[in-house]
C-alpha atoms as a PDB file:
ATOM      1  CA  MET A   1      87.472 166.119  53.689  1.00  0.00           C
ATOM      2  CA  VAL A   2      87.847 169.053  54.902  1.00  0.00           C
ATOM      3  CA  LYS A   3      85.109 169.913  57.391  1.00  0.00           C
ATOM      4  CA  GLN A   4      84.205 174.479  57.249  1.00  0.00           C
ATOM      5  CA  LYS A   5      84.242 176.120  60.438  1.00  0.00           C
ATOM      6  CA  PHE A   6      81.522 179.293  60.637  1.00  0.00           C
ATOM      7  CA  PRO A   7      82.050 181.647  63.104  1.00  0.00           C
ATOM      8  CA  GLU A   8      78.599 181.616  63.914  1.00  0.00           C
ATOM      9  CA  THR A   9      79.410 177.940  65.338  1.00  0.00           C
ATOM     10  CA  ASP A  10      82.568 179.462  67.166  1.00  0.00           C
ATOM     11  CA  GLN A  11      80.126 182.036  68.779  1.00  0.00           C
ATOM     12  CA  ARG A  12      77.537 179.774  69.675  1.00  0.00           C
ATOM     13  CA  VAL A  13      79.408 176.720  71.061  1.00  0.00           C
ATOM     14  CA  PHE A  14      82.923 178.878  72.754  1.00  0.00           C
ATOM     15  CA  HIS A  15      81.852 182.006  73.688  1.00  0.00           C
ATOM     16  CA  ARG A  16      80.890 182.525  77.278  1.00  0.00           C
ATOM     17  CA  VAL A  17      81.758 178.967  77.847  1.00  0.00           C
ATOM     18  CA  PHE A  18      83.552 177.870  80.948  1.00  0.00           C
ATOM     19  CA  ILE A  19      84.462 174.423  82.881  1.00  0.00           C
ATOM     20  CA  CYS A  20      85.280 173.675  86.246  1.00  0.00           C
ATOM     21  CA  MET A  21      88.452 172.820  87.639  1.00  0.00           C
ATOM     22  CA  LYS A  22      87.342 170.472  89.984  1.00  0.00           C
ATOM     23  CA  CYS A  23      84.462 168.535  88.529  1.00  0.00           C
ATOM     24  CA  GLY A  24      84.144 169.845  85.145  1.00  0.00           C
ATOM     25  CA  ALA A  25      80.883 170.967  84.758  1.00  0.00           C
ATOM     26  CA  LYS A  26      80.398 173.369  81.669  1.00  0.00           C
ATOM     27  CA  LEU A  27      78.558 176.235  82.486  1.00  0.00           C
ATOM     28  CA  LYS A  28      78.000 179.597  80.722  1.00  0.00           C
ATOM     29  CA  ALA A  29      78.605 182.970  82.627  1.00  0.00           C
ATOM     30  CA  ASP A  30      80.240 186.587  81.770  1.00  0.00           C
ATOM     31  CA  LEU A  31      83.711 186.873  81.156  1.00  0.00           C
ATOM     32  CA  LEU A  32      84.145 189.892  84.051  1.00  0.00           C
ATOM     33  CA  LYS A  33      81.956 187.749  86.516  1.00  0.00           C
ATOM     34  CA  VAL A  34      84.063 184.720  86.288  1.00  0.00           C
ATOM     35  CA  ARG A  35      87.326 186.606  86.848  1.00  0.00           C
ATOM     36  CA  ALA A  36      85.860 188.653  89.963  1.00  0.00           C
ATOM     37  CA  GLU A  37      84.586 185.131  91.043  1.00  0.00           C
ATOM     38  CA  LYS A  38      81.013 186.252  91.418  1.00  0.00           C
ATOM     39  CA  VAL A  39      80.024 183.233  89.370  1.00  0.00           C
ATOM     40  CA  LYS A  40      80.098 179.444  91.441  1.00  0.00           C
ATOM     41  CA  CYS A  41      79.599 175.962  90.165  1.00  0.00           C
ATOM     42  CA  ARG A  42      75.926 174.314  90.030  1.00  0.00           C
ATOM     43  CA  LYS A  43      77.534 170.993  90.848  1.00  0.00           C
ATOM     44  CA  CYS A  44      80.118 171.645  93.782  1.00  0.00           C
ATOM     45  CA  LYS A  45      80.195 175.154  94.159  1.00  0.00           C
ATOM     46  CA  ARG A  46      83.756 176.091  93.530  1.00  0.00           C
ATOM     47  CA  LYS A  47      84.379 179.601  91.609  1.00  0.00           C
ATOM     48  CA  GLN A  48      87.608 178.101  90.146  1.00  0.00           C
ATOM     49  CA  LEU A  49      86.411 177.832  86.587  1.00  0.00           C
ATOM     50  CA  ARG A  50      88.633 178.299  83.279  1.00  0.00           C
ATOM     51  CA  PRO A  51      87.720 178.833  79.262  1.00  0.00           C
ATOM     52  CA  ILE A  52      86.824 175.658  77.573  1.00  0.00           C
ATOM     53  CA  HIS A  53      89.512 175.205  75.320  1.00  0.00           C
ATOM     54  CA  LYS A  54      88.720 175.067  71.564  1.00  0.00           C
ATOM     55  CA  GLU A  55      90.806 172.507  70.234  1.00  0.00           C
ATOM     56  CA  HIS A  56      91.434 168.885  71.650  1.00  0.00           C
ATOM     57  CA  LYS A  57      95.463 168.431  72.550  1.00  0.00           C
ATOM     58  CA  VAL A  58      96.068 164.555  71.405  1.00  0.00           C
END
């Protein structure tokens, strides 16, 4: 059975969500602030963040 994708769920789960490159913590932030490196990870205080992947790679 195929699951139906709703745009509302993609917006809630993937919009403005970033992952820390060192510890893997997930946080929500504005894209412009992340690119300007004004946002830090709460756990390890690093500024290297990446956007969350929308699909799992197998």
